[in-house]
N, C-alpha and C. Protein backbone atom coordinates (compact mmCIF):
# COMPACT_ATOMS: atom_id res chain seq x y z
N UNK A 1 93.94 152.91 114.79
CA UNK A 1 93.61 151.52 114.97
C UNK A 1 92.75 151.39 116.24
N UNK A 2 91.59 150.71 116.08
CA UNK A 2 90.66 150.51 117.18
C UNK A 2 90.69 149.04 117.57
N UNK A 3 90.81 148.81 118.83
CA UNK A 3 90.86 147.44 119.33
C UNK A 3 89.63 147.22 120.21
N UNK A 4 88.88 146.21 119.86
CA UNK A 4 87.71 145.83 120.67
C UNK A 4 88.10 144.68 121.57
N UNK A 5 87.85 144.87 122.81
CA UNK A 5 88.14 143.82 123.76
C UNK A 5 86.84 143.12 124.14
N UNK A 6 86.86 141.83 124.03
CA UNK A 6 85.69 141.04 124.39
C UNK A 6 86.05 140.26 125.64
N UNK A 7 85.22 140.40 126.63
CA UNK A 7 85.46 139.68 127.87
C UNK A 7 84.56 138.46 127.90
N UNK A 8 85.16 137.33 128.07
CA UNK A 8 84.42 136.09 128.17
C UNK A 8 84.45 135.67 129.62
N UNK A 9 83.28 135.45 130.17
CA UNK A 9 83.25 134.99 131.55
C UNK A 9 82.62 133.61 131.57
N UNK A 10 83.16 132.79 132.36
CA UNK A 10 82.65 131.44 132.51
C UNK A 10 81.78 131.40 133.74
N UNK A 11 80.95 130.40 133.79
CA UNK A 11 80.04 130.28 134.92
C UNK A 11 80.85 130.23 136.21
N UNK A 12 80.49 131.15 137.07
CA UNK A 12 81.16 131.18 138.36
C UNK A 12 82.17 132.30 138.48
N UNK A 13 82.68 132.83 137.36
CA UNK A 13 83.66 133.91 137.44
C UNK A 13 82.94 135.23 137.62
N UNK A 14 83.25 135.98 138.59
CA UNK A 14 82.69 137.30 138.82
C UNK A 14 81.26 137.26 139.34
N UNK A 15 80.79 136.10 139.67
CA UNK A 15 79.43 135.95 140.15
C UNK A 15 79.49 135.76 141.65
N UNK A 16 78.67 136.50 142.38
CA UNK A 16 78.66 136.31 143.82
C UNK A 16 78.22 134.89 144.17
N UNK A 17 78.78 134.33 145.20
CA UNK A 17 78.41 132.96 145.57
C UNK A 17 76.93 132.85 145.92
N UNK A 18 76.29 131.77 145.47
CA UNK A 18 74.90 131.51 145.81
C UNK A 18 73.91 132.09 144.82
N UNK A 19 74.31 132.86 143.83
CA UNK A 19 73.41 133.47 142.87
C UNK A 19 73.58 132.88 141.48
N UNK A 20 73.89 131.63 141.37
CA UNK A 20 74.13 131.03 140.05
C UNK A 20 72.86 130.93 139.22
N UNK A 21 71.68 130.85 139.85
CA UNK A 21 70.43 130.70 139.11
C UNK A 21 70.04 131.94 138.32
N UNK A 22 70.60 133.10 138.60
CA UNK A 22 70.21 134.32 137.92
C UNK A 22 71.08 134.63 136.71
N UNK A 23 72.04 133.80 136.39
CA UNK A 23 72.97 134.09 135.31
C UNK A 23 73.04 132.92 134.35
N UNK A 24 73.47 133.18 133.15
CA UNK A 24 73.76 132.12 132.18
C UNK A 24 72.50 131.61 131.49
N UNK A 25 72.50 130.32 131.18
CA UNK A 25 71.42 129.71 130.42
C UNK A 25 70.09 129.72 131.16
N UNK A 26 70.14 129.57 132.44
CA UNK A 26 68.91 129.54 133.23
C UNK A 26 68.17 130.86 133.10
N UNK A 27 68.87 131.97 133.06
CA UNK A 27 68.26 133.29 132.93
C UNK A 27 67.58 133.43 131.58
N UNK A 28 68.20 132.97 130.51
CA UNK A 28 67.59 133.12 129.19
C UNK A 28 66.35 132.25 129.06
N UNK A 29 66.34 131.06 129.63
CA UNK A 29 65.16 130.21 129.61
C UNK A 29 64.03 130.80 130.42
N UNK A 30 64.35 131.32 131.56
CA UNK A 30 63.36 131.95 132.43
C UNK A 30 62.76 133.17 131.73
N UNK A 31 63.61 133.96 131.09
CA UNK A 31 63.15 135.15 130.38
C UNK A 31 62.23 134.77 129.23
N UNK A 32 62.57 133.73 128.49
CA UNK A 32 61.73 133.30 127.38
C UNK A 32 60.37 132.83 127.89
N UNK A 33 60.37 132.10 128.99
CA UNK A 33 59.10 131.64 129.57
C UNK A 33 58.26 132.82 130.04
N UNK A 34 58.91 133.79 130.67
CA UNK A 34 58.19 134.97 131.14
C UNK A 34 57.60 135.75 129.96
N UNK A 35 58.37 135.92 128.89
CA UNK A 35 57.88 136.63 127.72
C UNK A 35 56.69 135.90 127.10
N UNK A 36 56.80 134.58 127.01
CA UNK A 36 55.70 133.80 126.45
C UNK A 36 54.47 133.89 127.35
N UNK A 37 54.68 133.83 128.66
CA UNK A 37 53.56 133.97 129.59
C UNK A 37 52.90 135.34 129.47
N UNK A 38 53.69 136.38 129.34
CA UNK A 38 53.15 137.73 129.18
C UNK A 38 52.34 137.83 127.88
N UNK A 39 52.89 137.25 126.81
CA UNK A 39 52.19 137.29 125.52
C UNK A 39 50.87 136.53 125.61
N UNK A 40 50.89 135.36 126.22
CA UNK A 40 49.67 134.57 126.37
C UNK A 40 48.67 135.25 127.29
N UNK A 41 49.18 135.89 128.34
CA UNK A 41 48.30 136.62 129.26
C UNK A 41 47.62 137.78 128.55
N UNK A 42 48.37 138.50 127.75
CA UNK A 42 47.80 139.63 127.01
C UNK A 42 46.77 139.14 126.00
N UNK A 43 47.07 138.03 125.34
CA UNK A 43 46.11 137.45 124.39
C UNK A 43 44.83 137.04 125.10
N UNK A 44 44.98 136.40 126.24
CA UNK A 44 43.82 135.98 127.02
C UNK A 44 43.03 137.19 127.51
N UNK A 45 43.73 138.24 127.93
CA UNK A 45 43.07 139.45 128.41
C UNK A 45 42.24 140.09 127.30
N UNK A 46 42.79 140.14 126.08
CA UNK A 46 42.04 140.73 124.97
C UNK A 46 40.82 139.87 124.62
N UNK A 47 40.96 138.55 124.69
CA UNK A 47 39.82 137.68 124.40
C UNK A 47 38.74 137.82 125.45
N UNK A 48 39.13 137.92 126.72
CA UNK A 48 38.15 138.10 127.80
C UNK A 48 37.43 139.44 127.64
N UNK A 49 38.17 140.47 127.26
CA UNK A 49 37.55 141.79 127.05
C UNK A 49 36.55 141.73 125.91
N UNK A 50 36.90 141.03 124.83
CA UNK A 50 35.99 140.90 123.69
C UNK A 50 34.73 140.14 124.09
N UNK A 51 34.89 139.07 124.84
CA UNK A 51 33.74 138.28 125.28
C UNK A 51 32.87 139.09 126.23
N UNK A 52 33.50 139.88 127.09
CA UNK A 52 32.74 140.71 128.03
C UNK A 52 31.90 141.74 127.29
N UNK A 53 32.51 142.41 126.32
CA UNK A 53 31.75 143.42 125.57
C UNK A 53 30.63 142.76 124.76
N UNK A 54 30.90 141.57 124.22
CA UNK A 54 29.87 140.86 123.47
C UNK A 54 28.71 140.46 124.37
N UNK A 55 29.01 140.00 125.57
CA UNK A 55 27.94 139.61 126.49
C UNK A 55 27.14 140.82 126.95
N UNK A 56 27.78 141.96 127.10
CA UNK A 56 27.06 143.18 127.46
C UNK A 56 26.11 143.58 126.33
N UNK A 57 26.59 143.50 125.09
CA UNK A 57 25.74 143.82 123.94
C UNK A 57 24.57 142.85 123.84
N UNK A 58 24.82 141.57 124.10
CA UNK A 58 23.74 140.58 124.08
C UNK A 58 22.71 140.91 125.16
N UNK A 59 23.18 141.32 126.33
CA UNK A 59 22.27 141.70 127.41
C UNK A 59 21.38 142.87 127.02
N UNK A 60 21.97 143.88 126.38
CA UNK A 60 21.17 145.03 125.92
C UNK A 60 20.14 144.59 124.88
N UNK A 61 20.55 143.72 123.97
CA UNK A 61 19.64 143.25 122.93
C UNK A 61 18.50 142.44 123.54
N UNK A 62 18.80 141.62 124.53
CA UNK A 62 17.76 140.83 125.20
C UNK A 62 16.76 141.75 125.89
N UNK A 63 17.26 142.79 126.56
CA UNK A 63 16.35 143.73 127.22
C UNK A 63 15.44 144.42 126.21
N UNK A 64 16.02 144.82 125.07
CA UNK A 64 15.22 145.48 124.03
C UNK A 64 14.16 144.54 123.49
N UNK A 65 14.55 143.30 123.21
CA UNK A 65 13.60 142.32 122.68
C UNK A 65 12.50 142.00 123.69
N UNK A 66 12.85 141.91 124.97
CA UNK A 66 11.83 141.67 126.00
C UNK A 66 10.83 142.82 126.07
N UNK A 67 11.33 144.04 125.90
CA UNK A 67 10.45 145.21 125.91
C UNK A 67 9.48 145.14 124.73
N UNK A 68 10.01 144.80 123.54
CA UNK A 68 9.15 144.69 122.36
C UNK A 68 8.12 143.57 122.53
N UNK A 69 8.54 142.45 123.10
CA UNK A 69 7.61 141.35 123.33
C UNK A 69 6.51 141.73 124.31
N UNK A 70 6.86 142.49 125.33
CA UNK A 70 5.85 142.94 126.30
C UNK A 70 4.84 143.86 125.62
N UNK A 71 5.32 144.75 124.74
CA UNK A 71 4.41 145.64 124.01
C UNK A 71 3.49 144.83 123.09
N UNK A 72 4.07 143.84 122.39
CA UNK A 72 3.25 143.01 121.51
C UNK A 72 2.22 142.23 122.31
N UNK A 73 2.60 141.76 123.49
CA UNK A 73 1.67 141.01 124.33
C UNK A 73 0.49 141.88 124.73
N UNK A 74 0.76 143.12 125.11
CA UNK A 74 -0.33 144.01 125.50
C UNK A 74 -1.23 144.33 124.31
N UNK A 75 -0.63 144.49 123.12
CA UNK A 75 -1.43 144.74 121.92
C UNK A 75 -2.30 143.54 121.58
N UNK A 76 -1.73 142.34 121.70
CA UNK A 76 -2.51 141.14 121.42
C UNK A 76 -3.64 140.98 122.44
N UNK A 77 -3.38 141.33 123.68
CA UNK A 77 -4.43 141.25 124.70
C UNK A 77 -5.58 142.20 124.37
N UNK A 78 -5.25 143.42 123.95
CA UNK A 78 -6.31 144.37 123.61
C UNK A 78 -7.08 143.91 122.37
N UNK A 79 -6.37 143.33 121.40
CA UNK A 79 -7.03 142.83 120.20
C UNK A 79 -7.92 141.65 120.54
N UNK A 80 -7.45 140.79 121.44
CA UNK A 80 -8.25 139.65 121.86
C UNK A 80 -9.53 140.11 122.55
N UNK A 81 -9.41 141.13 123.38
CA UNK A 81 -10.60 141.68 124.03
C UNK A 81 -11.58 142.26 123.03
N UNK A 82 -11.06 142.97 122.05
CA UNK A 82 -11.91 143.57 121.01
C UNK A 82 -12.62 142.49 120.21
N UNK A 83 -11.88 141.46 119.80
CA UNK A 83 -12.49 140.38 119.03
C UNK A 83 -13.48 139.59 119.88
N UNK A 84 -13.19 139.44 121.17
CA UNK A 84 -14.12 138.75 122.06
C UNK A 84 -15.45 139.48 122.16
N UNK A 85 -15.38 140.80 122.27
CA UNK A 85 -16.62 141.59 122.32
C UNK A 85 -17.39 141.47 121.02
N UNK A 86 -16.68 141.51 119.91
CA UNK A 86 -17.32 141.40 118.60
C UNK A 86 -18.00 140.04 118.45
N UNK A 87 -17.31 138.98 118.88
CA UNK A 87 -17.90 137.64 118.78
C UNK A 87 -19.12 137.53 119.69
N UNK A 88 -19.07 138.17 120.85
CA UNK A 88 -20.23 138.17 121.74
C UNK A 88 -21.43 138.83 121.09
N UNK A 89 -21.19 139.94 120.41
CA UNK A 89 -22.28 140.63 119.72
C UNK A 89 -22.81 139.78 118.57
N UNK A 90 -21.92 139.08 117.87
CA UNK A 90 -22.37 138.21 116.79
C UNK A 90 -23.20 137.05 117.32
N UNK A 91 -22.84 136.53 118.49
CA UNK A 91 -23.63 135.45 119.09
C UNK A 91 -25.03 135.94 119.46
N UNK A 92 -25.07 137.18 119.98
CA UNK A 92 -26.38 137.75 120.32
C UNK A 92 -27.22 137.88 119.06
N UNK A 93 -26.61 138.33 117.97
CA UNK A 93 -27.35 138.47 116.72
C UNK A 93 -27.79 137.11 116.18
N UNK A 94 -26.95 136.10 116.34
CA UNK A 94 -27.29 134.79 115.80
C UNK A 94 -28.41 134.12 116.58
N UNK A 95 -28.59 134.46 117.85
CA UNK A 95 -29.66 133.88 118.66
C UNK A 95 -31.03 134.35 118.19
N UNK A 96 -31.07 135.56 117.70
CA UNK A 96 -32.34 136.12 117.26
C UNK A 96 -32.71 135.60 115.87
N UNK A 97 -33.82 136.04 115.39
CA UNK A 97 -34.28 135.61 114.07
C UNK A 97 -33.82 136.58 113.00
N UNK A 98 -32.71 137.22 113.26
CA UNK A 98 -32.23 138.23 112.32
C UNK A 98 -31.16 137.63 111.41
N UNK A 99 -31.47 136.58 110.74
CA UNK A 99 -30.51 135.88 109.89
C UNK A 99 -30.04 136.77 108.75
N UNK A 100 -30.95 137.54 108.22
CA UNK A 100 -30.60 138.44 107.11
C UNK A 100 -29.58 139.49 107.58
N UNK A 101 -29.79 140.03 108.75
CA UNK A 101 -28.87 141.02 109.31
C UNK A 101 -27.49 140.40 109.57
N UNK A 102 -27.48 139.17 110.05
CA UNK A 102 -26.22 138.46 110.29
C UNK A 102 -25.48 138.23 108.98
N UNK A 103 -26.18 137.89 107.94
CA UNK A 103 -25.56 137.68 106.62
C UNK A 103 -24.94 138.98 106.12
N UNK A 104 -25.67 140.09 106.25
CA UNK A 104 -25.12 141.38 105.84
C UNK A 104 -23.88 141.75 106.65
N UNK A 105 -23.94 141.44 107.93
CA UNK A 105 -22.81 141.74 108.80
C UNK A 105 -21.57 140.94 108.38
N UNK A 106 -21.73 139.68 108.07
CA UNK A 106 -20.62 138.84 107.63
C UNK A 106 -20.07 139.32 106.29
N UNK A 107 -20.95 139.66 105.36
CA UNK A 107 -20.50 140.18 104.07
C UNK A 107 -19.75 141.49 104.23
N UNK A 108 -20.23 142.35 105.10
CA UNK A 108 -19.55 143.62 105.35
C UNK A 108 -18.17 143.39 105.95
N UNK A 109 -18.07 142.47 106.92
CA UNK A 109 -16.76 142.21 107.53
C UNK A 109 -15.80 141.58 106.52
N UNK A 110 -16.28 140.70 105.66
CA UNK A 110 -15.42 140.14 104.60
C UNK A 110 -14.95 141.24 103.65
N UNK A 111 -15.86 142.15 103.31
CA UNK A 111 -15.50 143.27 102.43
C UNK A 111 -14.41 144.14 103.08
N UNK A 112 -14.55 144.42 104.37
CA UNK A 112 -13.56 145.24 105.08
C UNK A 112 -12.21 144.52 105.12
N UNK A 113 -12.22 143.23 105.42
CA UNK A 113 -10.96 142.48 105.44
C UNK A 113 -10.32 142.43 104.06
N UNK A 114 -11.14 142.31 103.01
CA UNK A 114 -10.60 142.32 101.64
C UNK A 114 -9.95 143.66 101.32
N UNK A 115 -10.58 144.75 101.70
CA UNK A 115 -10.02 146.09 101.45
C UNK A 115 -8.71 146.26 102.22
N UNK A 116 -8.68 145.83 103.46
CA UNK A 116 -7.44 145.93 104.25
C UNK A 116 -6.34 145.10 103.62
N UNK A 117 -6.67 143.89 103.18
CA UNK A 117 -5.68 143.02 102.52
C UNK A 117 -5.17 143.68 101.24
N UNK A 118 -6.05 144.26 100.48
CA UNK A 118 -5.67 144.90 99.22
C UNK A 118 -4.75 146.10 99.48
N UNK A 119 -5.05 146.90 100.50
CA UNK A 119 -4.21 148.06 100.84
C UNK A 119 -2.82 147.60 101.28
N UNK A 120 -2.76 146.58 102.10
CA UNK A 120 -1.46 146.07 102.55
C UNK A 120 -0.67 145.48 101.39
N UNK A 121 -1.34 144.79 100.49
CA UNK A 121 -0.66 144.17 99.35
C UNK A 121 -0.07 145.23 98.41
N UNK A 122 -0.69 146.39 98.28
CA UNK A 122 -0.19 147.44 97.39
C UNK A 122 1.04 148.14 97.92
N UNK A 123 1.29 148.06 99.19
CA UNK A 123 2.47 148.73 99.76
C UNK A 123 3.66 148.06 99.31
């Protein structure tokens, strides 16, 4: 035969004087609040970590896009210079009495643009 003895203590029994706040119902409420605070803190920590990694990735993407934009800007500048020189030469041709040569030049450039358009369209 096994006998289990259960000891019931009431508030104040066996407790050192002045330490009533650490025992009984107050302790369980405090513990529940601490557990909830820890859970919320961990949740907040994981969200902050996720936001931090996302902002780092956005920063890398912005740097990459800025690099591509700078390259495109330099290419557009070189193309603008090339077209400016071509337009200058066309103006020189148009000032002269070489209307026939200007017409051939325009037809040739239209033909070249048509061929380029056709090649791009076939891809």
